[in-house]
Amino acid sequence: MLVQTTLPHRAQPGTQYTRTDGDVTLSITDLGGAGLPYGAYPRLILIWMTTEALRTGERKLELGRSLSSFMGRLGLQCTGGHWGTIPRFRDQMERLFGAAISTRWKHEQATEVHVGGSNLLLAEEFDLWWTPQKLLRTPPRSSVTLSQKFFEQLVESPIPLDLRAIRALKQSPLSLDLYTWATRRVSYLERPTLISWAALRRSFGAGYADTPQGRGKFRAKVLDALGRVRWVYSALRFKVEDGGVLLLPSAPHVPKLTK
């Protein structure tokens, strides 16, 4: 769900961000009043949460040394001040931990109509402490407790990512989205599949107008982002065509474990 529900790239007004792709509608709702998460930082935080939950096997995650170490591995320094990483991480954490993701789908066939949905709360509880010059302080310890449903999804359906690739792509939300999407998609791809520009725009281009100019701008951004993804994930095979991107069966970026 988190791969399909890409977060906004830019700040959004209001308390709900909604996208529709065919019969499926995805919504991100601000429950805590901090605003909707957006940009690269909440994506990086989600990757850390997934990594840490799988590593520890626990829903409650300590945000102290682990998060600071993770930031360091991505080449992000903890800096204070108005434009530093600390206030931006703090802001996006509050937004992300106070968000819920909802999926609704509708399928009509002959005289039958099937409507369903699923709601996912990311954080059940969170406790954050900050100082002007440090990302997190102790004591007391900052932590986030993942919801049971979110934790179960992470454990049951993890998507392996190479943190070296994340480090290289960390400044581009679209590149992070396409890398995560491509990694998951090729893990089960059996034959060449054309992903139309319209489908790509529905999935990743909510901030681009549905006009010739907007579609052209989105296409250029996708081509640039795919070039970045291919640079870090050279085994990814695809061809750019007039109708879209032809995704070809490829070796996974993180090899599957063998017994």
C-alpha atoms as a PDB file:
ATOM      1  CA  MET A   1       0.000   0.000   0.000  1.00  0.00           C
ATOM      2  CA  LEU A   2       2.823   2.414   0.816  1.00  0.00           C
ATOM      3  CA  VAL A   3       4.448   1.828  -2.570  1.00  0.00           C
ATOM      4  CA  GLN A   4       1.158   2.462  -4.344  1.00  0.00           C
ATOM      5  CA  THR A   5       0.244   5.405  -2.119  1.00  0.00           C
ATOM      6  CA  THR A   6       3.030   7.805  -2.936  1.00  0.00           C
ATOM      7  CA  LEU A   7       3.161  10.790  -0.626  1.00  0.00           C
ATOM      8  CA  PRO A   8       2.874  14.329  -2.035  1.00  0.00           C
ATOM      9  CA  HIS A   9       6.059  15.815  -3.456  1.00  0.00           C
ATOM     10  CA  ARG A  10       5.171  19.331  -2.299  1.00  0.00           C
ATOM     11  CA  ALA A  11       3.244  20.909   0.576  1.00  0.00           C
ATOM     12  CA  GLN A  12      -0.510  20.393   0.241  1.00  0.00           C
ATOM     13  CA  PRO A  13      -3.378  22.510   1.610  1.00  0.00           C
ATOM     14  CA  GLY A  14      -6.129  21.021   3.725  1.00  0.00           C
ATOM     15  CA  THR A  15      -6.222  17.801   5.707  1.00  0.00           C
ATOM     16  CA  GLN A  16      -6.651  15.199   2.954  1.00  0.00           C
ATOM     17  CA  TYR A  17      -4.687  14.233  -0.130  1.00  0.00           C
ATOM     18  CA  THR A  18      -6.606  11.994  -2.564  1.00  0.00           C
ATOM     19  CA  ARG A  19      -5.608  10.201  -5.752  1.00  0.00           C
ATOM     20  CA  THR A  20      -7.717   8.021  -8.042  1.00  0.00           C
ATOM     21  CA  ASP A  21      -6.347   5.406 -10.437  1.00  0.00           C
ATOM     22  CA  GLY A  22      -9.102   3.582 -12.293  1.00  0.00           C
ATOM     23  CA  ASP A  23     -11.403   1.960  -9.731  1.00  0.00           C
ATOM     24  CA  VAL A  24      -9.038   2.589  -6.813  1.00  0.00           C
ATOM     25  CA  THR A  25      -8.986   5.744  -4.683  1.00  0.00           C
ATOM     26  CA  LEU A  26      -6.145   6.344  -2.238  1.00  0.00           C
ATOM     27  CA  SER A  27      -6.286   8.981   0.487  1.00  0.00           C
ATOM     28  CA  ILE A  28      -3.852  10.300   3.067  1.00  0.00           C
ATOM     29  CA  THR A  29      -5.549  12.082   5.955  1.00  0.00           C
ATOM     30  CA  ASP A  30      -3.999  14.383   8.545  1.00  0.00           C
ATOM     31  CA  LEU A  31      -5.429  13.217  11.883  1.00  0.00           C
ATOM     32  CA  GLY A  32      -3.163  15.141  14.250  1.00  0.00           C
ATOM     33  CA  GLY A  33      -3.347  18.650  12.817  1.00  0.00           C
ATOM     34  CA  ALA A  34       0.353  18.918  11.928  1.00  0.00           C
ATOM     35  CA  GLY A  35      -0.344  18.895   8.192  1.00  0.00           C
ATOM     36  CA  LEU A  36       0.142  16.365   5.436  1.00  0.00           C
ATOM     37  CA  PRO A  37       3.606  14.802   5.013  1.00  0.00           C
ATOM     38  CA  TYR A  38       5.433  15.644   1.781  1.00  0.00           C
ATOM     39  CA  GLY A  39       8.825  15.553   0.097  1.00  0.00           C
ATOM     40  CA  ALA A  40      11.814  13.271   0.563  1.00  0.00           C
ATOM     41  CA  TYR A  41      12.100  13.261   4.370  1.00  0.00           C
ATOM     42  CA  PRO A  42       8.913  11.282   5.195  1.00  0.00           C
ATOM     43  CA  ARG A  43       9.913   8.747   2.539  1.00  0.00           C
ATOM     44  CA  LEU A  44      13.301   8.344   4.220  1.00  0.00           C
ATOM     45  CA  ILE A  45      11.630   8.064   7.627  1.00  0.00           C
ATOM     46  CA  LEU A  46       9.310   5.340   6.300  1.00  0.00           C
ATOM     47  CA  ILE A  47      12.306   3.418   4.963  1.00  0.00           C
ATOM     48  CA  TRP A  48      13.991   3.710   8.370  1.00  0.00           C
ATOM     49  CA  MET A  49      10.815   2.556  10.152  1.00  0.00           C
ATOM     50  CA  THR A  50      10.575  -0.482   7.878  1.00  0.00           C
ATOM     51  CA  THR A  51      14.261  -1.329   8.309  1.00  0.00           C
ATOM     52  CA  GLU A  52      14.141  -0.953  12.091  1.00  0.00           C
ATOM     53  CA  ALA A  53      10.888  -2.907  12.517  1.00  0.00           C
ATOM     54  CA  LEU A  54      12.305  -5.827  10.541  1.00  0.00           C
ATOM     55  CA  ARG A  55      15.637  -5.647  12.381  1.00  0.00           C
ATOM     56  CA  THR A  56      14.196  -5.560  15.892  1.00  0.00           C
ATOM     57  CA  GLY A  57      10.923  -7.418  15.393  1.00  0.00           C
ATOM     58  CA  GLU A  58       9.267  -4.796  17.608  1.00  0.00           C
ATOM     59  CA  ARG A  59       6.442  -2.331  17.031  1.00  0.00           C
ATOM     60  CA  LYS A  60       7.946   0.233  19.392  1.00  0.00           C
ATOM     61  CA  LEU A  61      10.957   1.877  17.771  1.00  0.00           C
ATOM     62  CA  GLU A  62      13.492   4.011  19.632  1.00  0.00           C
ATOM     63  CA  LEU A  63      14.397   7.086  17.591  1.00  0.00           C
ATOM     64  CA  GLY A  64      17.668   8.045  19.242  1.00  0.00           C
ATOM     65  CA  ARG A  65      20.926   6.511  18.078  1.00  0.00           C
ATOM     66  CA  SER A  66      19.253   4.317  15.474  1.00  0.00           C
ATOM     67  CA  LEU A  67      17.716   7.193  13.530  1.00  0.00           C
ATOM     68  CA  SER A  68      20.820   9.371  13.836  1.00  0.00           C
ATOM     69  CA  SER A  69      22.930   6.470  12.563  1.00  0.00           C
ATOM     70  CA  PHE A  70      20.498   5.894   9.719  1.00  0.00           C
ATOM     71  CA  MET A  71      20.686   9.563   8.735  1.00  0.00           C
ATOM     72  CA  GLY A  72      24.463   9.320   8.767  1.00  0.00           C
ATOM     73  CA  ARG A  73      24.392   6.292   6.472  1.00  0.00           C
ATOM     74  CA  LEU A  74      22.328   8.343   4.028  1.00  0.00           C
ATOM     75  CA  GLY A  75      24.784  11.235   4.195  1.00  0.00           C
ATOM     76  CA  LEU A  76      22.404  13.498   6.125  1.00  0.00           C
ATOM     77  CA  GLN A  77      23.927  15.580   8.877  1.00  0.00           C
ATOM     78  CA  CYS A  78      22.023  16.694  11.969  1.00  0.00           C
ATOM     79  CA  THR A  79      22.059  20.490  11.726  1.00  0.00           C
ATOM     80  CA  GLY A  80      20.056  23.077  13.657  1.00  0.00           C
ATOM     81  CA  GLY A  81      18.784  26.477  12.608  1.00  0.00           C
ATOM     82  CA  HIS A  82      15.791  27.426  10.506  1.00  0.00           C
ATOM     83  CA  TRP A  83      17.048  25.663   7.368  1.00  0.00           C
ATOM     84  CA  GLY A  84      18.767  22.737   9.126  1.00  0.00           C
ATOM     85  CA  THR A  85      17.783  19.099   8.904  1.00  0.00           C
ATOM     86  CA  ILE A  86      16.571  18.925  12.515  1.00  0.00           C
ATOM     87  CA  PRO A  87      13.499  21.192  12.234  1.00  0.00           C
ATOM     88  CA  ARG A  88      12.574  19.704   8.861  1.00  0.00           C
ATOM     89  CA  PHE A  89      12.839  16.132  10.151  1.00  0.00           C
ATOM     90  CA  ARG A  90      10.867  17.093  13.246  1.00  0.00           C
ATOM     91  CA  ASP A  91       8.112  18.680  11.152  1.00  0.00           C
ATOM     92  CA  GLN A  92       7.829  15.748   8.752  1.00  0.00           C
ATOM     93  CA  MET A  93       7.867  13.216  11.606  1.00  0.00           C
ATOM     94  CA  GLU A  94       4.943  14.936  13.266  1.00  0.00           C
ATOM     95  CA  ARG A  95       3.080  15.003   9.948  1.00  0.00           C
ATOM     96  CA  LEU A  96       3.839  11.370   9.104  1.00  0.00           C
ATOM     97  CA  PHE A  97       3.082   9.940  12.543  1.00  0.00           C
ATOM     98  CA  GLY A  98      -0.257  11.755  12.569  1.00  0.00           C
ATOM     99  CA  ALA A  99      -1.364  10.450   9.155  1.00  0.00           C
ATOM    100  CA  ALA A 100      -3.671   7.636   8.100  1.00  0.00           C
ATOM    101  CA  ILE A 101      -3.864   5.952   4.680  1.00  0.00           C
ATOM    102  CA  SER A 102      -7.173   4.776   3.248  1.00  0.00           C
ATOM    103  CA  THR A 103      -7.874   2.696   0.145  1.00  0.00           C
ATOM    104  CA  ARG A 104     -11.274   2.431  -1.495  1.00  0.00           C
ATOM    105  CA  TRP A 105     -12.135   0.408  -4.570  1.00  0.00           C
ATOM    106  CA  LYS A 106     -15.258  -0.117  -6.620  1.00  0.00           C
ATOM    107  CA  HIS A 107     -15.848  -2.869  -9.169  1.00  0.00           C
ATOM    108  CA  GLU A 108     -18.947  -3.096 -11.344  1.00  0.00           C
ATOM    109  CA  GLN A 109     -19.798  -6.170 -13.396  1.00  0.00           C
ATOM    110  CA  ALA A 110     -23.164  -6.762 -15.042  1.00  0.00           C
ATOM    111  CA  THR A 111     -25.708  -6.106 -12.286  1.00  0.00           C
ATOM    112  CA  GLU A 112     -23.296  -6.475  -9.372  1.00  0.00           C
ATOM    113  CA  VAL A 113     -21.393  -3.698  -7.659  1.00  0.00           C
ATOM    114  CA  HIS A 114     -18.592  -4.469  -5.221  1.00  0.00           C
ATOM    115  CA  VAL A 115     -17.277  -1.679  -2.998  1.00  0.00           C
ATOM    116  CA  GLY A 116     -14.544  -2.228  -0.436  1.00  0.00           C
ATOM    117  CA  GLY A 117     -11.862  -0.410   1.444  1.00  0.00           C
ATOM    118  CA  SER A 118      -9.038  -0.549   3.941  1.00  0.00           C
ATOM    119  CA  ASN A 119      -7.752   1.943   6.511  1.00  0.00           C
ATOM    120  CA  LEU A 120      -4.177   1.997   7.775  1.00  0.00           C
ATOM    121  CA  LEU A 121      -2.912   4.002  10.738  1.00  0.00           C
ATOM    122  CA  LEU A 122       0.872   4.319  10.642  1.00  0.00           C
ATOM    123  CA  ALA A 123       1.653   5.170  14.267  1.00  0.00           C
ATOM    124  CA  GLU A 124      -0.340   4.030  17.264  1.00  0.00           C
ATOM    125  CA  GLU A 125       1.653   6.267  19.621  1.00  0.00           C
ATOM    126  CA  PHE A 126       4.648   8.560  19.383  1.00  0.00           C
ATOM    127  CA  ASP A 127       6.702  10.494  21.911  1.00  0.00           C
ATOM    128  CA  LEU A 128       9.200  13.003  20.517  1.00  0.00           C
ATOM    129  CA  TRP A 129      11.762  15.130  22.375  1.00  0.00           C
ATOM    130  CA  TRP A 130      13.916  17.765  20.708  1.00  0.00           C
ATOM    131  CA  THR A 131      16.758  20.131  21.510  1.00  0.00           C
ATOM    132  CA  PRO A 132      17.905  23.004  19.273  1.00  0.00           C
ATOM    133  CA  GLN A 133      21.188  21.327  18.277  1.00  0.00           C
ATOM    134  CA  LYS A 134      20.372  17.603  18.448  1.00  0.00           C
ATOM    135  CA  LEU A 135      17.879  15.543  16.546  1.00  0.00           C
ATOM    136  CA  LEU A 136      16.811  13.621  19.638  1.00  0.00           C
ATOM    137  CA  ARG A 137      17.830  13.743  23.277  1.00  0.00           C
ATOM    138  CA  THR A 138      17.926  11.345  26.176  1.00  0.00           C
ATOM    139  CA  PRO A 139      16.542  11.020  28.728  1.00  0.00           C
ATOM    140  CA  PRO A 140      13.621  10.737  28.137  1.00  0.00           C
ATOM    141  CA  ARG A 141      13.786   8.673  24.951  1.00  0.00           C
ATOM    142  CA  SER A 142      11.860   9.490  21.814  1.00  0.00           C
ATOM    143  CA  SER A 143       9.937   6.639  20.271  1.00  0.00           C
ATOM    144  CA  VAL A 144       7.183   5.689  17.865  1.00  0.00           C
ATOM    145  CA  THR A 145       4.928   2.654  18.212  1.00  0.00           C
ATOM    146  CA  LEU A 146       3.684   1.353  14.880  1.00  0.00           C
ATOM    147  CA  SER A 147       0.082   0.246  14.582  1.00  0.00           C
ATOM    148  CA  GLN A 148      -0.385  -3.514  14.649  1.00  0.00           C
ATOM    149  CA  LYS A 149      -1.729  -3.576  11.093  1.00  0.00           C
ATOM    150  CA  PHE A 150       1.131  -1.484   9.720  1.00  0.00           C
ATOM    151  CA  PHE A 151       3.692  -3.623  11.528  1.00  0.00           C
ATOM    152  CA  GLU A 152       2.151  -6.831  10.202  1.00  0.00           C
ATOM    153  CA  GLN A 153       2.235  -5.502   6.646  1.00  0.00           C
ATOM    154  CA  LEU A 154       5.907  -4.567   6.981  1.00  0.00           C
ATOM    155  CA  VAL A 155       6.832  -8.007   8.304  1.00  0.00           C
ATOM    156  CA  GLU A 156       4.692  -9.964   5.850  1.00  0.00           C
ATOM    157  CA  SER A 157       5.492  -7.991   2.675  1.00  0.00           C
ATOM    158  CA  PRO A 158       8.854  -6.224   2.992  1.00  0.00           C
ATOM    159  CA  ILE A 159      10.362  -4.671  -0.141  1.00  0.00           C
ATOM    160  CA  PRO A 160      14.182  -4.938  -0.074  1.00  0.00           C
ATOM    161  CA  LEU A 161      15.950  -1.662  -0.881  1.00  0.00           C
ATOM    162  CA  ASP A 162      19.644  -0.904  -1.208  1.00  0.00           C
ATOM    163  CA  LEU A 163      20.494   1.968   1.144  1.00  0.00           C
ATOM    164  CA  ARG A 164      23.314   3.012  -1.174  1.00  0.00           C
ATOM    165  CA  ALA A 165      20.669   3.705  -3.813  1.00  0.00           C
ATOM    166  CA  ILE A 166      18.506   5.550  -1.282  1.00  0.00           C
ATOM    167  CA  ARG A 167      21.506   7.691  -0.350  1.00  0.00           C
ATOM    168  CA  ALA A 168      22.104   8.612  -3.989  1.00  0.00           C
ATOM    169  CA  LEU A 169      18.424   9.404  -4.645  1.00  0.00           C
ATOM    170  CA  LYS A 170      17.560  11.008  -1.313  1.00  0.00           C
ATOM    171  CA  GLN A 171      17.081  14.532  -2.713  1.00  0.00           C
ATOM    172  CA  SER A 172      14.434  13.505  -5.269  1.00  0.00           C
ATOM    173  CA  PRO A 173      11.022  12.266  -4.064  1.00  0.00           C
ATOM    174  CA  LEU A 174      10.083  11.144  -7.587  1.00  0.00           C
ATOM    175  CA  SER A 175      13.320   9.158  -7.976  1.00  0.00           C
ATOM    176  CA  LEU A 176      12.715   7.481  -4.599  1.00  0.00           C
ATOM    177  CA  ASP A 177       9.155   6.619  -5.650  1.00  0.00           C
ATOM    178  CA  LEU A 178      10.203   5.182  -9.004  1.00  0.00           C
ATOM    179  CA  TYR A 179      13.065   3.194  -7.481  1.00  0.00           C
ATOM    180  CA  THR A 180      10.784   1.647  -4.840  1.00  0.00           C
ATOM    181  CA  TRP A 181       8.047   0.989  -7.395  1.00  0.00           C
ATOM    182  CA  ALA A 182      10.417  -0.572  -9.951  1.00  0.00           C
ATOM    183  CA  THR A 183      12.078  -2.744  -7.313  1.00  0.00           C
ATOM    184  CA  ARG A 184       8.735  -4.173  -6.256  1.00  0.00           C
ATOM    185  CA  ARG A 185       7.336  -4.471  -9.786  1.00  0.00           C
ATOM    186  CA  VAL A 186      10.217  -6.460 -11.283  1.00  0.00           C
ATOM    187  CA  SER A 187      10.198  -8.864  -8.327  1.00  0.00           C
ATOM    188  CA  TYR A 188       7.185 -10.592  -9.896  1.00  0.00           C
ATOM    189  CA  LEU A 189       7.377  -9.405 -13.527  1.00  0.00           C
ATOM    190  CA  GLU A 190       7.355 -12.359 -15.946  1.00  0.00           C
ATOM    191  CA  ARG A 191       7.019 -10.619 -19.319  1.00  0.00           C
ATOM    192  CA  PRO A 192       7.618  -7.159 -20.809  1.00  0.00           C
ATOM    193  CA  THR A 193       4.899  -4.778 -19.621  1.00  0.00           C
ATOM    194  CA  LEU A 194       4.119  -1.346 -21.021  1.00  0.00           C
ATOM    195  CA  ILE A 195       3.223   1.208 -18.351  1.00  0.00           C
ATOM    196  CA  SER A 196       1.415   4.016 -20.161  1.00  0.00           C
ATOM    197  CA  TRP A 197       2.245   7.652 -19.515  1.00  0.00           C
ATOM    198  CA  ALA A 198      -1.334   8.113 -18.298  1.00  0.00           C
ATOM    199  CA  ALA A 199      -0.908   5.293 -15.751  1.00  0.00           C
ATOM    200  CA  LEU A 200       2.429   6.690 -14.591  1.00  0.00           C
ATOM    201  CA  ARG A 201       0.919  10.134 -14.183  1.00  0.00           C
ATOM    202  CA  ARG A 202      -1.978   8.728 -12.144  1.00  0.00           C
ATOM    203  CA  SER A 203       0.500   6.980  -9.859  1.00  0.00           C
ATOM    204  CA  PHE A 204       3.255   9.576  -9.581  1.00  0.00           C
ATOM    205  CA  GLY A 205       2.118  12.838 -11.163  1.00  0.00           C
ATOM    206  CA  ALA A 206      -0.605  14.247  -8.951  1.00  0.00           C
ATOM    207  CA  GLY A 207       1.153  17.632  -8.898  1.00  0.00           C
ATOM    208  CA  TYR A 208       1.110  18.027 -12.686  1.00  0.00           C
ATOM    209  CA  ALA A 209      -1.810  19.536 -14.589  1.00  0.00           C
ATOM    210  CA  ASP A 210      -3.722  17.352 -17.042  1.00  0.00           C
ATOM    211  CA  THR A 211      -2.785  19.613 -19.944  1.00  0.00           C
ATOM    212  CA  PRO A 212      -0.344  19.137 -22.835  1.00  0.00           C
ATOM    213  CA  GLN A 213       2.171  21.302 -20.985  1.00  0.00           C
ATOM    214  CA  GLY A 214       1.644  19.492 -17.680  1.00  0.00           C
ATOM    215  CA  ARG A 215       1.884  16.059 -19.287  1.00  0.00           C
ATOM    216  CA  GLY A 216       5.034  17.056 -21.148  1.00  0.00           C
ATOM    217  CA  LYS A 217       6.637  18.401 -17.982  1.00  0.00           C
ATOM    218  CA  PHE A 218       5.768  15.220 -16.094  1.00  0.00           C
ATOM    219  CA  ARG A 219       7.224  13.036 -18.848  1.00  0.00           C
ATOM    220  CA  ALA A 220      10.487  14.994 -18.760  1.00  0.00           C
ATOM    221  CA  LYS A 221      10.681  14.646 -14.966  1.00  0.00           C
ATOM    222  CA  VAL A 222      10.062  10.877 -15.166  1.00  0.00           C
ATOM    223  CA  LEU A 223      12.783  10.444 -17.804  1.00  0.00           C
ATOM    224  CA  ASP A 224      15.237  12.365 -15.638  1.00  0.00           C
ATOM    225  CA  ALA A 225      14.274  10.356 -12.523  1.00  0.00           C
ATOM    226  CA  LEU A 226      14.492   7.023 -14.383  1.00  0.00           C
ATOM    227  CA  GLY A 227      17.961   7.978 -15.533  1.00  0.00           C
ATOM    228  CA  ARG A 228      18.955   8.476 -11.889  1.00  0.00           C
ATOM    229  CA  VAL A 229      17.362   5.144 -10.928  1.00  0.00           C
ATOM    230  CA  ARG A 230      19.170   3.300 -13.712  1.00  0.00           C
ATOM    231  CA  TRP A 231      22.462   4.847 -12.577  1.00  0.00           C
ATOM    232  CA  VAL A 232      22.119   3.247  -9.119  1.00  0.00           C
ATOM    233  CA  TYR A 233      20.252   0.133 -10.292  1.00  0.00           C
ATOM    234  CA  SER A 234      22.038  -0.856 -13.490  1.00  0.00           C
ATOM    235  CA  ALA A 235      20.275  -4.251 -13.691  1.00  0.00           C
ATOM    236  CA  LEU A 236      16.907  -2.540 -14.146  1.00  0.00           C
ATOM    237  CA  ARG A 237      15.824  -3.003 -17.764  1.00  0.00           C
ATOM    238  CA  PHE A 238      13.295  -0.713 -19.423  1.00  0.00           C
ATOM    239  CA  LYS A 239      12.686   1.067 -22.715  1.00  0.00           C
ATOM    240  CA  VAL A 240      11.105   4.471 -23.190  1.00  0.00           C
ATOM    241  CA  GLU A 241       8.458   4.397 -25.902  1.00  0.00           C
ATOM    242  CA  ASP A 242       5.929   6.866 -27.259  1.00  0.00           C
ATOM    243  CA  GLY A 243       3.154   5.152 -25.343  1.00  0.00           C
ATOM    244  CA  GLY A 244       4.974   4.902 -22.040  1.00  0.00           C
ATOM    245  CA  VAL A 245       7.742   2.936 -20.329  1.00  0.00           C
ATOM    246  CA  LEU A 246       8.244  -0.702 -21.312  1.00  0.00           C
ATOM    247  CA  LEU A 247       9.367  -2.486 -18.143  1.00  0.00           C
ATOM    248  CA  LEU A 248      11.359  -5.656 -18.827  1.00  0.00           C
ATOM    249  CA  PRO A 249      12.016  -8.629 -16.520  1.00  0.00           C
ATOM    250  CA  SER A 250      15.103  -7.729 -14.487  1.00  0.00           C
ATOM    251  CA  ALA A 251      17.245  -9.098 -11.715  1.00  0.00           C
ATOM    252  CA  PRO A 252      16.139  -7.744  -8.328  1.00  0.00           C
ATOM    253  CA  HIS A 253      18.352  -5.002  -6.936  1.00  0.00           C
ATOM    254  CA  VAL A 254      18.717  -6.842  -3.630  1.00  0.00           C
ATOM    255  CA  PRO A 255      19.243 -10.567  -4.387  1.00  0.00           C
ATOM    256  CA  LYS A 256      16.764 -12.915  -2.768  1.00  0.00           C
ATOM    257  CA  LEU A 257      18.046 -14.957   0.145  1.00  0.00           C
ATOM    258  CA  THR A 258      18.676 -18.600  -0.591  1.00  0.00           C
ATOM    259  CA  LYS A 259      18.843 -21.349   1.991  1.00  0.00           C
END
